[in-house]
N, C-alpha and C. Protein backbone atom coordinates (compact mmCIF):
# COMPACT_ATOMS: atom_id res chain seq x y z
N MET A 1 -28.54 -10.83 -5.25
CA MET A 1 -27.33 -11.16 -4.48
C MET A 1 -26.74 -10.37 -3.82
N ARG A 2 -26.34 -9.31 -4.11
CA ARG A 2 -25.30 -8.24 -3.61
C ARG A 2 -26.36 -7.21 -2.18
N ASP A 3 -27.60 -7.23 -2.76
CA ASP A 3 -28.13 -6.47 -2.13
C ASP A 3 -28.89 -6.69 -1.14
N ALA A 4 -29.04 -8.36 -1.08
CA ALA A 4 -29.65 -9.24 -0.12
C ALA A 4 -28.17 -8.99 0.73
N GLU A 5 -26.55 -9.34 0.40
CA GLU A 5 -25.59 -9.12 1.55
C GLU A 5 -25.85 -8.09 1.90
N ILE A 6 -25.46 -7.18 1.09
CA ILE A 6 -25.64 -5.25 1.61
C ILE A 6 -26.76 -5.71 3.38
N ARG A 7 -28.19 -5.73 2.94
CA ARG A 7 -29.37 -6.17 4.26
C ARG A 7 -28.69 -6.64 5.28
N GLY A 8 -28.00 -7.91 4.74
CA GLY A 8 -28.15 -8.81 5.74
C GLY A 8 -26.98 -9.16 6.69
N SER A 9 -25.75 -8.15 6.52
CA SER A 9 -24.12 -7.54 6.15
C SER A 9 -24.61 -6.87 7.93
N GLY A 10 -24.52 -7.40 8.70
CA GLY A 10 -24.52 -7.02 10.56
C GLY A 10 -23.24 -5.52 10.59
N ASP A 11 -22.63 -5.42 9.79
CA ASP A 11 -21.39 -4.62 9.58
C ASP A 11 -21.78 -2.97 9.16
N MET A 12 -22.88 -3.29 8.59
CA MET A 12 -23.90 -2.22 8.09
C MET A 12 -24.67 -1.03 8.98
N LYS A 13 -24.55 -1.88 10.18
CA LYS A 13 -25.61 -0.41 10.87
C LYS A 13 -24.62 0.91 11.09
N GLY A 14 -26.27 1.60 11.09
CA GLY A 14 -25.31 3.14 11.13
C GLY A 14 -24.59 3.42 9.96
N ILE A 15 -24.66 2.96 8.77
CA ILE A 15 -24.23 3.23 7.83
C ILE A 15 -25.05 4.05 6.87
N ASP A 16 -24.86 5.37 6.95
CA ASP A 16 -25.84 5.64 5.65
C ASP A 16 -25.08 5.99 4.05
N ILE A 17 -25.66 5.19 4.03
CA ILE A 17 -25.66 4.92 2.33
C ILE A 17 -25.14 6.18 1.15
N ASN A 18 -26.53 7.06 1.92
CA ASN A 18 -26.41 8.21 1.33
C ASN A 18 -25.47 9.05 1.68
N GLN A 19 -24.75 9.30 2.53
CA GLN A 19 -23.52 9.68 3.06
C GLN A 19 -22.52 9.35 2.87
N VAL A 20 -22.06 7.69 2.02
CA VAL A 20 -20.80 7.33 1.15
C VAL A 20 -20.66 7.53 0.17
N ILE A 21 -22.56 7.86 -0.21
CA ILE A 21 -21.97 8.30 -1.79
C ILE A 21 -21.70 10.17 -1.50
N GLU A 22 -22.11 10.65 -1.35
CA GLU A 22 -21.69 11.56 -0.88
C GLU A 22 -19.63 11.71 -1.14
N PHE A 23 -19.85 11.66 0.16
CA PHE A 23 -18.45 11.36 0.56
C PHE A 23 -17.59 11.12 -0.67
N GLN A 24 -17.76 9.81 -1.49
CA GLN A 24 -17.15 9.33 -2.38
C GLN A 24 -16.56 10.76 -3.71
N GLU A 25 -18.23 11.24 -3.65
CA GLU A 25 -18.01 12.19 -5.40
C GLU A 25 -17.17 13.68 -4.99
N LYS A 26 -18.11 13.99 -3.64
CA LYS A 26 -16.80 15.48 -2.64
C LYS A 26 -15.28 14.76 -2.74
N PHE A 27 -14.91 13.93 -2.73
CA PHE A 27 -14.13 13.54 -1.95
C PHE A 27 -13.43 13.28 -3.99
N VAL A 28 -14.14 12.89 -5.01
CA VAL A 28 -13.35 13.35 -6.60
C VAL A 28 -13.26 14.25 -6.62
N GLN A 29 -14.35 15.33 -6.36
CA GLN A 29 -14.23 17.25 -6.26
C GLN A 29 -12.92 17.51 -5.80
N LEU A 30 -12.28 16.91 -4.87
CA LEU A 30 -11.16 17.52 -4.19
C LEU A 30 -9.70 17.24 -5.08
N GLN A 31 -10.01 15.79 -5.38
CA GLN A 31 -9.04 15.56 -6.86
C GLN A 31 -8.69 16.44 -7.22
N GLU A 32 -10.16 16.38 -8.11
CA GLU A 32 -10.14 16.86 -9.36
C GLU A 32 -8.99 19.11 -9.01
N ASN A 33 -10.35 19.38 -7.80
CA ASN A 33 -9.62 20.54 -7.11
C ASN A 33 -7.98 20.97 -6.96
N ILE A 34 -7.08 19.90 -6.24
CA ILE A 34 -6.21 20.30 -5.55
C ILE A 34 -5.49 19.99 -7.55
N ALA A 35 -5.61 19.17 -8.26
CA ALA A 35 -4.84 18.97 -9.49
C ALA A 35 -5.25 19.91 -10.10
N GLU A 36 -6.49 20.87 -10.27
CA GLU A 36 -6.28 21.76 -11.17
C GLU A 36 -6.31 23.55 -10.71
N MET A 37 -5.78 23.45 -9.24
CA MET A 37 -5.28 24.14 -8.43
C MET A 37 -3.59 24.01 -8.51
N VAL A 38 -2.83 22.71 -9.23
CA VAL A 38 -1.91 22.94 -9.32
C VAL A 38 -1.12 23.25 -10.62
N LYS A 39 -2.17 22.58 -11.39
CA LYS A 39 -2.00 23.31 -12.83
C LYS A 39 -1.85 25.03 -12.72
N MET A 40 -2.77 25.49 -11.97
CA MET A 40 -3.52 27.36 -12.19
C MET A 40 -2.16 27.56 -11.42
N ARG A 41 -1.33 27.03 -10.12
CA ARG A 41 -0.09 27.50 -9.69
C ARG A 41 0.85 27.48 -10.55
N ILE A 42 1.43 26.79 -11.67
CA ILE A 42 2.12 26.56 -12.45
C ILE A 42 2.26 27.26 -13.08
N ILE A 43 0.48 27.48 -13.44
CA ILE A 43 0.17 28.69 -14.81
C ILE A 43 0.61 30.02 -14.08
N PHE A 44 0.30 30.03 -13.18
CA PHE A 44 0.95 31.94 -12.58
C PHE A 44 2.18 32.16 -12.28
N TRP A 45 2.78 30.71 -12.21
CA TRP A 45 4.33 31.34 -11.66
C TRP A 45 5.12 31.35 -12.76
N LYS A 46 4.82 30.76 -14.06
CA LYS A 46 5.28 30.75 -15.71
C LYS A 46 5.64 32.39 -15.48
N GLU A 47 4.00 32.36 -15.95
CA GLU A 47 3.43 33.71 -16.30
C GLU A 47 4.37 35.10 -15.26
N LEU A 48 4.69 34.66 -14.09
CA LEU A 48 5.83 35.85 -13.75
C LEU A 48 6.89 35.69 -13.65
N GLN A 49 7.28 34.76 -14.59
CA GLN A 49 9.03 34.52 -14.67
C GLN A 49 9.13 35.31 -16.33
N GLN A 50 8.06 35.78 -17.07
CA GLN A 50 7.99 35.92 -17.89
C GLN A 50 8.31 37.37 -18.21
N GLN A 51 9.77 38.27 -19.36
CA GLN A 51 9.71 39.46 -19.21
C GLN A 51 8.92 40.42 -18.65
N ASN A 52 8.16 39.81 -20.11
CA ASN A 52 6.11 40.85 -19.89
C ASN A 52 5.52 40.54 -19.28
N SER A 53 5.61 40.36 -18.27
CA SER A 53 4.16 39.97 -17.40
C SER A 53 3.30 40.79 -17.48
N LYS A 54 2.10 40.78 -17.33
CA LYS A 54 1.12 41.79 -16.76
C LYS A 54 0.65 41.78 -15.43
N VAL A 55 0.99 42.96 -15.14
CA VAL A 55 0.35 42.60 -13.38
C VAL A 55 -1.36 42.25 -13.61
N PRO A 56 -1.85 43.46 -14.28
CA PRO A 56 -3.90 43.46 -14.10
C PRO A 56 -3.89 41.57 -14.19
N LYS A 57 -3.15 41.00 -15.11
CA LYS A 57 -3.09 39.26 -15.48
C LYS A 57 -2.81 38.58 -14.05
N LEU A 58 -1.92 38.71 -13.69
CA LEU A 58 -1.33 37.99 -13.06
C LEU A 58 -2.28 38.45 -11.42
N MET A 59 -2.78 39.64 -11.24
CA MET A 59 -3.41 39.78 -10.10
C MET A 59 -5.49 39.24 -10.00
N ALA A 60 -5.42 38.86 -11.14
CA ALA A 60 -6.75 38.07 -11.53
C ALA A 60 -6.45 37.36 -12.12
N PHE A 61 -5.55 36.19 -12.08
CA PHE A 61 -5.19 34.97 -11.37
C PHE A 61 -5.05 34.80 -10.38
N GLY A 62 -4.35 35.51 -9.64
CA GLY A 62 -3.97 35.66 -8.43
C GLY A 62 -5.21 35.22 -7.30
N ALA A 63 -6.50 35.83 -7.90
CA ALA A 63 -7.59 36.22 -7.33
C ALA A 63 -7.86 35.14 -6.89
N LYS A 64 -7.77 34.36 -8.59
CA LYS A 64 -8.77 32.68 -9.19
C LYS A 64 -8.36 32.33 -8.54
N ILE A 65 -6.37 32.08 -8.48
CA ILE A 65 -6.21 31.18 -7.58
C ILE A 65 -6.94 30.47 -5.79
N THR A 66 -7.09 32.39 -5.17
CA THR A 66 -7.28 32.10 -3.78
C THR A 66 -8.62 31.97 -3.58
N LYS A 67 -9.81 31.70 -4.37
CA LYS A 67 -11.43 31.72 -4.59
C LYS A 67 -10.96 30.08 -4.35
N GLN A 68 -10.29 29.53 -5.49
CA GLN A 68 -10.19 28.48 -5.70
C GLN A 68 -9.69 27.40 -4.98
N THR A 69 -8.59 28.04 -3.90
CA THR A 69 -8.62 27.59 -2.20
C THR A 69 -8.62 28.35 -1.77
N GLU A 70 -9.76 28.78 -1.79
CA GLU A 70 -11.15 28.28 -0.14
C GLU A 70 -11.90 27.51 -0.55
N ILE A 71 -12.37 26.84 -1.95
CA ILE A 71 -13.41 26.56 -2.85
C ILE A 71 -13.15 24.88 -2.07
N THR A 72 -11.58 25.06 -2.34
CA THR A 72 -11.06 23.24 -1.93
C THR A 72 -11.08 22.81 -0.40
N GLU A 73 -10.85 24.14 0.13
CA GLU A 73 -11.02 23.77 1.87
C GLU A 73 -11.89 24.10 1.88
N LYS A 74 -13.03 24.66 1.62
CA LYS A 74 -14.66 24.02 2.03
C LYS A 74 -14.37 22.27 1.76
N LEU A 75 -14.40 22.31 1.12
CA LEU A 75 -14.71 20.20 0.34
C LEU A 75 -13.55 19.94 1.54
N TYR A 76 -12.31 19.72 1.40
CA TYR A 76 -12.10 19.40 2.32
C TYR A 76 -12.04 19.14 4.13
N ASN A 77 -12.83 20.70 4.66
CA ASN A 77 -13.81 20.39 6.19
C ASN A 77 -14.96 19.95 5.40
N ARG A 78 -15.61 19.91 4.93
CA ARG A 78 -16.61 18.82 4.72
C ARG A 78 -16.32 17.60 4.96
N LEU A 79 -15.60 17.21 3.84
CA LEU A 79 -15.03 15.77 3.82
C LEU A 79 -14.69 15.41 5.37
N TYR A 80 -14.16 16.14 5.84
CA TYR A 80 -13.57 15.48 7.30
C TYR A 80 -14.70 15.08 8.51
N GLU A 81 -15.80 16.16 8.15
CA GLU A 81 -16.59 16.32 8.73
C GLU A 81 -17.35 14.97 8.77
N VAL A 82 -17.65 15.06 7.80
CA VAL A 82 -18.21 12.95 7.50
C VAL A 82 -17.44 11.99 8.03
N ASN A 83 -16.05 12.05 7.74
CA ASN A 83 -14.90 10.75 8.32
C ASN A 83 -13.56 11.42 7.99
N PRO A 84 -13.20 11.32 9.24
CA PRO A 84 -12.18 12.29 9.68
C PRO A 84 -11.10 11.17 9.55
N ASN A 85 -11.24 9.74 9.63
CA ASN A 85 -10.23 9.09 9.33
C ASN A 85 -9.93 8.37 8.12
N HIS A 86 -10.41 8.88 7.18
CA HIS A 86 -10.14 8.49 5.68
C HIS A 86 -8.87 8.71 5.49
N LEU A 87 -8.42 7.57 4.90
CA LEU A 87 -6.33 7.71 5.45
C LEU A 87 -6.26 8.89 3.86
N LYS A 88 -6.73 8.14 2.66
CA LYS A 88 -6.32 8.93 1.43
C LYS A 88 -6.50 9.66 1.26
N MET A 89 -7.69 10.40 2.24
CA MET A 89 -8.07 12.10 2.78
C MET A 89 -7.01 13.33 3.14
N LEU A 90 -6.72 12.01 3.72
CA LEU A 90 -5.84 12.84 4.83
C LEU A 90 -4.76 13.59 4.37
N ASP A 91 -4.01 12.37 3.58
CA ASP A 91 -2.68 11.77 2.50
C ASP A 91 -3.14 13.31 1.62
N LEU A 92 -4.14 13.20 0.97
CA LEU A 92 -4.18 13.38 -0.01
C LEU A 92 -4.42 15.72 0.24
N TYR A 93 -5.17 15.19 1.22
CA TYR A 93 -5.00 16.87 1.35
C TYR A 93 -3.87 17.39 2.15
N GLY A 94 -3.30 16.90 3.22
CA GLY A 94 -2.03 17.39 3.76
C GLY A 94 -1.11 16.76 3.00
N ASN A 95 -0.34 16.51 1.88
CA ASN A 95 0.46 16.54 1.19
C ASN A 95 0.34 18.17 0.68
N TYR A 96 -1.31 18.08 -0.04
CA TYR A 96 -1.28 19.33 -0.69
C TYR A 96 -1.39 20.72 0.22
N VAL A 97 -1.37 20.59 1.29
CA VAL A 97 -0.94 21.57 2.34
C VAL A 97 0.24 21.80 2.64
N HIS A 98 1.12 20.38 2.43
CA HIS A 98 2.38 20.57 2.55
C HIS A 98 3.51 21.52 1.27
N GLU A 99 3.43 21.05 0.26
CA GLU A 99 3.86 20.97 -1.31
C GLU A 99 3.20 22.20 -1.91
N VAL A 100 2.36 21.94 -2.15
CA VAL A 100 1.21 23.14 -3.10
C VAL A 100 0.99 24.75 -2.29
N LEU A 101 0.89 24.52 -1.45
CA LEU A 101 0.32 26.31 -0.26
C LEU A 101 2.06 25.63 0.39
N THR A 102 2.42 24.93 0.33
CA THR A 102 4.09 25.32 1.28
C THR A 102 3.90 25.56 2.59
N ASP A 103 2.70 24.95 3.69
CA ASP A 103 2.88 25.24 4.84
C ASP A 103 2.75 23.72 5.17
N THR A 104 3.79 23.97 5.22
CA THR A 104 4.29 22.86 6.13
C THR A 104 4.09 22.79 7.74
N ILE A 105 3.88 23.43 7.87
CA ILE A 105 3.33 23.45 10.24
C ILE A 105 1.77 22.29 10.03
N ASN A 106 1.01 23.49 9.03
CA ASN A 106 -0.40 22.57 8.88
C ASN A 106 -0.30 21.48 8.35
N GLY A 107 0.82 21.36 7.40
CA GLY A 107 0.06 20.36 5.92
C GLY A 107 0.73 18.48 7.23
N ARG A 108 1.40 18.77 7.92
CA ARG A 108 2.57 18.05 8.80
C ARG A 108 1.43 17.13 10.17
N LYS A 109 0.94 18.85 10.50
CA LYS A 109 -0.44 18.17 11.52
C LYS A 109 -1.76 16.82 10.37
N ILE A 110 -1.96 17.70 9.68
CA ILE A 110 -2.54 17.02 9.06
C ILE A 110 -2.76 15.48 7.85
N LEU A 111 -1.32 15.22 8.15
CA LEU A 111 -0.58 13.93 7.93
C LEU A 111 -0.50 12.87 8.71
N GLU A 112 -0.09 13.40 10.19
CA GLU A 112 -0.33 13.27 11.33
C GLU A 112 -1.07 12.39 11.90
N LYS A 113 -1.76 13.04 11.60
CA LYS A 113 -3.12 12.69 11.75
C LYS A 113 -3.69 11.34 11.00
């Protein structure tokens, strides 16, 4: 019955189900990436506060954080292309940019969309 409801619904015209599924999968990835980024930054700052912190270790971890930040941004940009009005995505990424990346200007711009 569910398939018949979907096929018979006039509201479904123009919706690409594959795109919806891809969006949902990538949104889950975005959530996971942001959670991982928060963990990585906490570990980085804890290590930095240690009196005997190792500079090469911090540099390697910082490079890993930078790469993960770029991946997260690309993932957000892809999601934004598909659905720029998805409130949960905008809220999640806007708060991430504002609170985790401490980019208040861009974070607020995203949150105000």
